[in-house]
């Protein structure tokens, strides 16, 4: 569960999986293919799926707004 203070934030499971993958390797560069493999194992997906989920995650956590 992703919280902002005590308020749960609504985020899709794939976007949350991406966030977890990124948080597990702070400061590391993670390739698109590595991230897609982690989030969609044994499944062929288009790169647009990655972009849509990253965009939704950034919107949810307010990335780039209010000094974040």
PDB file of N, CA and C in Angstrom:
ATOM      1  N   UNK A   1       0.844  -1.173   0.000  1.00  0.00           N
ATOM      2  CA  UNK A   1       0.000   0.000   0.000  1.00  0.00           C
ATOM      3  C   UNK A   1       0.889   1.236   0.000  1.00  0.00           C
ATOM      4  N   UNK A   2       0.504   2.211  -0.780  1.00  0.00           N
ATOM      5  CA  UNK A   2       1.245   3.465  -0.876  1.00  0.00           C
ATOM      6  C   UNK A   2       0.457   4.529  -0.133  1.00  0.00           C
ATOM      7  N   UNK A   3       1.118   5.181   0.821  1.00  0.00           N
ATOM      8  CA  UNK A   3       0.456   6.192   1.645  1.00  0.00           C
ATOM      9  C   UNK A   3       1.109   7.546   1.473  1.00  0.00           C
ATOM     10  N   UNK A   4       0.288   8.589   1.573  1.00  0.00           N
ATOM     11  CA  UNK A   4       0.800   9.952   1.691  1.00  0.00           C
ATOM     12  C   UNK A   4       0.350  10.427   3.061  1.00  0.00           C
ATOM     13  N   UNK A   5       1.276  10.386   4.002  1.00  0.00           N
ATOM     14  CA  UNK A   5       0.896  10.583   5.398  1.00  0.00           C
ATOM     15  C   UNK A   5       0.117   9.362   5.839  1.00  0.00           C
ATOM     16  N   UNK A   6      -1.135   9.567   6.198  1.00  0.00           N
ATOM     17  CA  UNK A   6      -1.994   8.449   6.574  1.00  0.00           C
ATOM     18  C   UNK A   6      -3.040   8.157   5.500  1.00  0.00           C
ATOM     19  N   UNK A   7      -2.966   8.875   4.391  1.00  0.00           N
ATOM     20  CA  UNK A   7      -3.958   8.734   3.328  1.00  0.00           C
ATOM     21  C   UNK A   7      -3.463   7.755   2.269  1.00  0.00           C
ATOM     22  N   UNK A   8      -4.211   6.683   2.028  1.00  0.00           N
ATOM     23  CA  UNK A   8      -3.809   5.739   0.972  1.00  0.00           C
ATOM     24  C   UNK A   8      -3.928   6.385  -0.408  1.00  0.00           C
ATOM     25  N   UNK A   9      -2.934   6.158  -1.241  1.00  0.00           N
ATOM     26  CA  UNK A   9      -2.967   6.641  -2.612  1.00  0.00           C
ATOM     27  C   UNK A   9      -3.376   5.501  -3.523  1.00  0.00           C
ATOM     28  N   UNK A  10      -4.252   5.797  -4.458  1.00  0.00           N
ATOM     29  CA  UNK A  10      -4.687   4.773  -5.410  1.00  0.00           C
ATOM     30  C   UNK A  10      -3.660   4.675  -6.525  1.00  0.00           C
ATOM     31  N   UNK A  11      -3.123   3.491  -6.674  1.00  0.00           N
ATOM     32  CA  UNK A  11      -2.135   3.246  -7.722  1.00  0.00           C
ATOM     33  C   UNK A  11      -2.333   1.806  -8.201  1.00  0.00           C
ATOM     34  N   UNK A  12      -2.218   1.621  -9.501  1.00  0.00           N
ATOM     35  CA  UNK A  12      -2.380   0.281 -10.057  1.00  0.00           C
ATOM     36  C   UNK A  12      -1.267  -0.655  -9.615  1.00  0.00           C
ATOM     37  N   UNK A  13      -1.543  -1.938  -9.701  1.00  0.00           N
ATOM     38  CA  UNK A  13      -0.568  -2.923  -9.224  1.00  0.00           C
ATOM     39  C   UNK A  13       0.720  -2.895 -10.037  1.00  0.00           C
ATOM     40  N   UNK A  14       0.633  -2.695 -11.347  1.00  0.00           N
ATOM     41  CA  UNK A  14       1.848  -2.644 -12.173  1.00  0.00           C
ATOM     42  C   UNK A  14       2.672  -1.406 -11.841  1.00  0.00           C
ATOM     43  N   UNK A  15       2.008  -0.280 -11.658  1.00  0.00           N
ATOM     44  CA  UNK A  15       2.724   0.946 -11.289  1.00  0.00           C
ATOM     45  C   UNK A  15       3.387   0.780  -9.923  1.00  0.00           C
ATOM     46  N   UNK A  16       2.707   0.127  -9.004  1.00  0.00           N
ATOM     47  CA  UNK A  16       3.294  -0.113  -7.687  1.00  0.00           C
ATOM     48  C   UNK A  16       4.488  -1.056  -7.799  1.00  0.00           C
ATOM     49  N   UNK A  17       4.394  -2.071  -8.638  1.00  0.00           N
ATOM     50  CA  UNK A  17       5.532  -2.967  -8.876  1.00  0.00           C
ATOM     51  C   UNK A  17       6.732  -2.191  -9.424  1.00  0.00           C
ATOM     52  N   UNK A  18       6.466  -1.224 -10.311  1.00  0.00           N
ATOM     53  CA  UNK A  18       7.552  -0.397 -10.856  1.00  0.00           C
ATOM     54  C   UNK A  18       8.194   0.436  -9.765  1.00  0.00           C
ATOM     55  N   UNK A  19       7.369   1.037  -8.934  1.00  0.00           N
ATOM     56  CA  UNK A  19       7.896   1.851  -7.840  1.00  0.00           C
ATOM     57  C   UNK A  19       8.763   1.011  -6.914  1.00  0.00           C
ATOM     58  N   UNK A  20       8.311  -0.170  -6.578  1.00  0.00           N
ATOM     59  CA  UNK A  20       9.090  -1.062  -5.710  1.00  0.00           C
ATOM     60  C   UNK A  20      10.423  -1.408  -6.363  1.00  0.00           C
ATOM     61  N   UNK A  21      10.387  -1.731  -7.655  1.00  0.00           N
ATOM     62  CA  UNK A  21      11.625  -2.067  -8.373  1.00  0.00           C
ATOM     63  C   UNK A  21      12.605  -0.897  -8.354  1.00  0.00           C
ATOM     64  N   UNK A  22      12.102   0.308  -8.534  1.00  0.00           N
ATOM     65  CA  UNK A  22      12.968   1.493  -8.532  1.00  0.00           C
ATOM     66  C   UNK A  22      13.514   1.779  -7.130  1.00  0.00           C
ATOM     67  N   UNK A  23      12.675   1.593  -6.127  1.00  0.00           N
ATOM     68  CA  UNK A  23      13.114   1.849  -4.750  1.00  0.00           C
ATOM     69  C   UNK A  23      14.133   0.829  -4.258  1.00  0.00           C
ATOM     70  N   UNK A  24      14.098  -0.364  -4.820  1.00  0.00           N
ATOM     71  CA  UNK A  24      15.057  -1.390  -4.421  1.00  0.00           C
ATOM     72  C   UNK A  24      16.463  -1.101  -4.945  1.00  0.00           C
ATOM     73  N   UNK A  25      16.559  -0.232  -5.942  1.00  0.00           N
ATOM     74  CA  UNK A  25      17.868   0.095  -6.521  1.00  0.00           C
ATOM     75  C   UNK A  25      18.055   1.604  -6.615  1.00  0.00           C
ATOM     76  N   UNK A  26      18.052   2.304  -5.477  1.00  0.00           N
ATOM     77  CA  UNK A  26      18.155   3.764  -5.501  1.00  0.00           C
ATOM     78  C   UNK A  26      19.457   4.224  -6.146  1.00  0.00           C
ATOM     79  N   UNK A  27      19.331   5.189  -7.029  1.00  0.00           N
ATOM     80  CA  UNK A  27      20.501   5.749  -7.688  1.00  0.00           C
ATOM     81  C   UNK A  27      20.994   4.961  -8.881  1.00  0.00           C
ATOM     82  N   UNK A  28      20.473   3.754  -9.078  1.00  0.00           N
ATOM     83  CA  UNK A  28      20.893   2.930 -10.214  1.00  0.00           C
ATOM     84  C   UNK A  28      20.057   3.262 -11.446  1.00  0.00           C
ATOM     85  N   UNK A  29      20.669   3.128 -12.586  1.00  0.00           N
ATOM     86  CA  UNK A  29      19.960   3.261 -13.844  1.00  0.00           C
ATOM     87  C   UNK A  29      19.360   1.900 -14.172  1.00  0.00           C
ATOM     88  N   UNK A  30      18.057   1.855 -14.346  1.00  0.00           N
ATOM     89  CA  UNK A  30      17.368   0.604 -14.653  1.00  0.00           C
ATOM     90  C   UNK A  30      16.832   0.730 -16.076  1.00  0.00           C
ATOM     91  N   UNK A  31      17.233  -0.178 -16.926  1.00  0.00           N
ATOM     92  CA  UNK A  31      16.803  -0.109 -18.326  1.00  0.00           C
ATOM     93  C   UNK A  31      15.314  -0.405 -18.455  1.00  0.00           C
ATOM     94  N   UNK A  32      14.749   0.065 -19.545  1.00  0.00           N
ATOM     95  CA  UNK A  32      13.341  -0.213 -19.818  1.00  0.00           C
ATOM     96  C   UNK A  32      13.098  -1.714 -19.870  1.00  0.00           C
ATOM     97  N   UNK A  33      13.984  -2.410 -20.527  1.00  0.00           N
ATOM     98  CA  UNK A  33      13.786  -3.856 -20.664  1.00  0.00           C
ATOM     99  C   UNK A  33      13.853  -4.559 -19.309  1.00  0.00           C
ATOM    100  N   UNK A  34      14.766  -4.140 -18.438  1.00  0.00           N
ATOM    101  CA  UNK A  34      14.848  -4.733 -17.096  1.00  0.00           C
ATOM    102  C   UNK A  34      13.570  -4.463 -16.305  1.00  0.00           C
ATOM    103  N   UNK A  35      13.082  -3.248 -16.399  1.00  0.00           N
ATOM    104  CA  UNK A  35      11.876  -2.881 -15.676  1.00  0.00           C
ATOM    105  C   UNK A  35      10.663  -3.634 -16.219  1.00  0.00           C
ATOM    106  N   UNK A  36      10.576  -3.745 -17.528  1.00  0.00           N
ATOM    107  CA  UNK A  36       9.460  -4.474 -18.137  1.00  0.00           C
ATOM    108  C   UNK A  36       9.521  -5.956 -17.772  1.00  0.00           C
ATOM    109  N   UNK A  37      10.712  -6.517 -17.753  1.00  0.00           N
ATOM    110  CA  UNK A  37      10.890  -7.927 -17.375  1.00  0.00           C
ATOM    111  C   UNK A  37      10.449  -8.158 -15.934  1.00  0.00           C
ATOM    112  N   UNK A  38      10.754  -7.194 -15.088  1.00  0.00           N
ATOM    113  CA  UNK A  38      10.399  -7.309 -13.661  1.00  0.00           C
ATOM    114  C   UNK A  38       8.897  -7.202 -13.443  1.00  0.00           C
ATOM    115  N   UNK A  39       8.273  -6.273 -14.141  1.00  0.00           N
ATOM    116  CA  UNK A  39       6.858  -5.994 -13.913  1.00  0.00           C
ATOM    117  C   UNK A  39       5.948  -6.943 -14.690  1.00  0.00           C
ATOM    118  N   UNK A  40       6.392  -7.343 -15.874  1.00  0.00           N
ATOM    119  CA  UNK A  40       5.616  -8.250 -16.712  1.00  0.00           C
ATOM    120  C   UNK A  40       6.469  -9.483 -17.048  1.00  0.00           C
ATOM    121  N   UNK A  41       6.789 -10.323 -16.066  1.00  0.00           N
ATOM    122  CA  UNK A  41       7.645 -11.479 -16.352  1.00  0.00           C
ATOM    123  C   UNK A  41       6.958 -12.462 -17.300  1.00  0.00           C
ATOM    124  N   UNK A  42       7.746 -12.988 -18.219  1.00  0.00           N
ATOM    125  CA  UNK A  42       7.256 -13.994 -19.170  1.00  0.00           C
ATOM    126  C   UNK A  42       6.074 -13.526 -20.006  1.00  0.00           C
ATOM    127  N   UNK A  43       5.969 -12.213 -20.209  1.00  0.00           N
ATOM    128  CA  UNK A  43       4.881 -11.644 -20.994  1.00  0.00           C
ATOM    129  C   UNK A  43       5.459 -10.600 -21.943  1.00  0.00           C
ATOM    130  N   UNK A  44       5.019 -10.632 -23.194  1.00  0.00           N
ATOM    131  CA  UNK A  44       5.440  -9.607 -24.141  1.00  0.00           C
ATOM    132  C   UNK A  44       4.477  -8.435 -24.046  1.00  0.00           C
ATOM    133  N   UNK A  45       5.005  -7.261 -23.747  1.00  0.00           N
ATOM    134  CA  UNK A  45       4.192  -6.045 -23.686  1.00  0.00           C
ATOM    135  C   UNK A  45       4.882  -4.959 -24.487  1.00  0.00           C
ATOM    136  N   UNK A  46       4.103  -4.022 -24.952  1.00  0.00           N
ATOM    137  CA  UNK A  46       4.639  -2.886 -25.684  1.00  0.00           C
ATOM    138  C   UNK A  46       5.230  -1.868 -24.714  1.00  0.00           C
ATOM    139  N   UNK A  47       6.204  -1.125 -25.199  1.00  0.00           N
ATOM    140  CA  UNK A  47       6.849  -0.097 -24.380  1.00  0.00           C
ATOM    141  C   UNK A  47       5.837   0.945 -23.899  1.00  0.00           C
ATOM    142  N   UNK A  48       4.772   1.131 -24.648  1.00  0.00           N
ATOM    143  CA  UNK A  48       3.752   2.107 -24.254  1.00  0.00           C
ATOM    144  C   UNK A  48       3.130   1.742 -22.901  1.00  0.00           C
ATOM    145  N   UNK A  49       3.062   0.457 -22.570  1.00  0.00           N
ATOM    146  CA  UNK A  49       2.552   0.045 -21.253  1.00  0.00           C
ATOM    147  C   UNK A  49       3.426   0.598 -20.139  1.00  0.00           C
ATOM    148  N   UNK A  50       4.715   0.566 -20.355  1.00  0.00           N
ATOM    149  CA  UNK A  50       5.654   1.102 -19.376  1.00  0.00           C
ATOM    150  C   UNK A  50       5.439   2.600 -19.218  1.00  0.00           C
ATOM    151  N   UNK A  51       5.343   3.299 -20.347  1.00  0.00           N
ATOM    152  CA  UNK A  51       5.168   4.755 -20.314  1.00  0.00           C
ATOM    153  C   UNK A  51       3.872   5.156 -19.619  1.00  0.00           C
ATOM    154  N   UNK A  52       2.789   4.453 -19.909  1.00  0.00           N
ATOM    155  CA  UNK A  52       1.495   4.764 -19.297  1.00  0.00           C
ATOM    156  C   UNK A  52       1.552   4.565 -17.788  1.00  0.00           C
ATOM    157  N   UNK A  53       2.146   3.470 -17.354  1.00  0.00           N
ATOM    158  CA  UNK A  53       2.209   3.188 -15.919  1.00  0.00           C
ATOM    159  C   UNK A  53       3.147   4.127 -15.182  1.00  0.00           C
ATOM    160  N   UNK A  54       4.264   4.475 -15.786  1.00  0.00           N
ATOM    161  CA  UNK A  54       5.181   5.439 -15.163  1.00  0.00           C
ATOM    162  C   UNK A  54       4.505   6.794 -15.059  1.00  0.00           C
ATOM    163  N   UNK A  55       3.803   7.197 -16.100  1.00  0.00           N
ATOM    164  CA  UNK A  55       3.093   8.472 -16.085  1.00  0.00           C
ATOM    165  C   UNK A  55       2.036   8.496 -14.983  1.00  0.00           C
ATOM    166  N   UNK A  56       1.276   7.423 -14.853  1.00  0.00           N
ATOM    167  CA  UNK A  56       0.250   7.335 -13.803  1.00  0.00           C
ATOM    168  C   UNK A  56       0.886   7.384 -12.416  1.00  0.00           C
ATOM    169  N   UNK A  57       2.003   6.705 -12.254  1.00  0.00           N
ATOM    170  CA  UNK A  57       2.702   6.707 -10.976  1.00  0.00           C
ATOM    171  C   UNK A  57       3.200   8.110 -10.635  1.00  0.00           C
ATOM    172  N   UNK A  58       3.790   8.776 -11.612  1.00  0.00           N
ATOM    173  CA  UNK A  58       4.295  10.133 -11.363  1.00  0.00           C
ATOM    174  C   UNK A  58       3.154  11.081 -11.001  1.00  0.00           C
ATOM    175  N   UNK A  59       2.031  10.938 -11.669  1.00  0.00           N
ATOM    176  CA  UNK A  59       0.865  11.774 -11.371  1.00  0.00           C
ATOM    177  C   UNK A  59       0.361  11.495  -9.951  1.00  0.00           C
ATOM    178  N   UNK A  60       0.304  10.235  -9.577  1.00  0.00           N
ATOM    179  CA  UNK A  60      -0.195   9.837  -8.270  1.00  0.00           C
ATOM    180  C   UNK A  60       0.667  10.383  -7.133  1.00  0.00           C
ATOM    181  N   UNK A  61       1.988  10.293  -7.303  1.00  0.00           N
ATOM    182  CA  UNK A  61       2.868  10.749  -6.219  1.00  0.00           C
ATOM    183  C   UNK A  61       3.198  12.233  -6.316  1.00  0.00           C
ATOM    184  N   UNK A  62       2.673  12.903  -7.360  1.00  0.00           N
ATOM    185  CA  UNK A  62       2.889  14.332  -7.483  1.00  0.00           C
ATOM    186  C   UNK A  62       4.296  14.695  -7.892  1.00  0.00           C
ATOM    187  N   UNK A  63       4.951  13.827  -8.634  1.00  0.00           N
ATOM    188  CA  UNK A  63       6.331  14.070  -9.066  1.00  0.00           C
ATOM    189  C   UNK A  63       6.416  15.364  -9.858  1.00  0.00           C
ATOM    190  N   UNK A  64       7.296  16.248  -9.414  1.00  0.00           N
ATOM    191  CA  UNK A  64       7.510  17.516 -10.110  1.00  0.00           C
ATOM    192  C   UNK A  64       6.617  18.645  -9.624  1.00  0.00           C
ATOM    193  N   UNK A  65       5.704  18.371  -8.715  1.00  0.00           N
ATOM    194  CA  UNK A  65       4.835  19.446  -8.212  1.00  0.00           C
ATOM    195  C   UNK A  65       5.099  19.673  -6.724  1.00  0.00           C
ATOM    196  N   UNK A  66       4.975  20.897  -6.324  1.00  0.00           N
ATOM    197  CA  UNK A  66       5.154  21.220  -4.916  1.00  0.00           C
ATOM    198  C   UNK A  66       6.542  20.900  -4.372  1.00  0.00           C
ATOM    199  N   UNK A  67       7.571  20.967  -5.225  1.00  0.00           N
ATOM    200  CA  UNK A  67       8.932  20.715  -4.783  1.00  0.00           C
ATOM    201  C   UNK A  67       9.317  19.252  -4.693  1.00  0.00           C
ATOM    202  N   UNK A  68       8.477  18.380  -5.203  1.00  0.00           N
ATOM    203  CA  UNK A  68       8.765  16.941  -5.139  1.00  0.00           C
ATOM    204  C   UNK A  68       9.640  16.524  -6.294  1.00  0.00           C
TER     205      UNK A  68
END
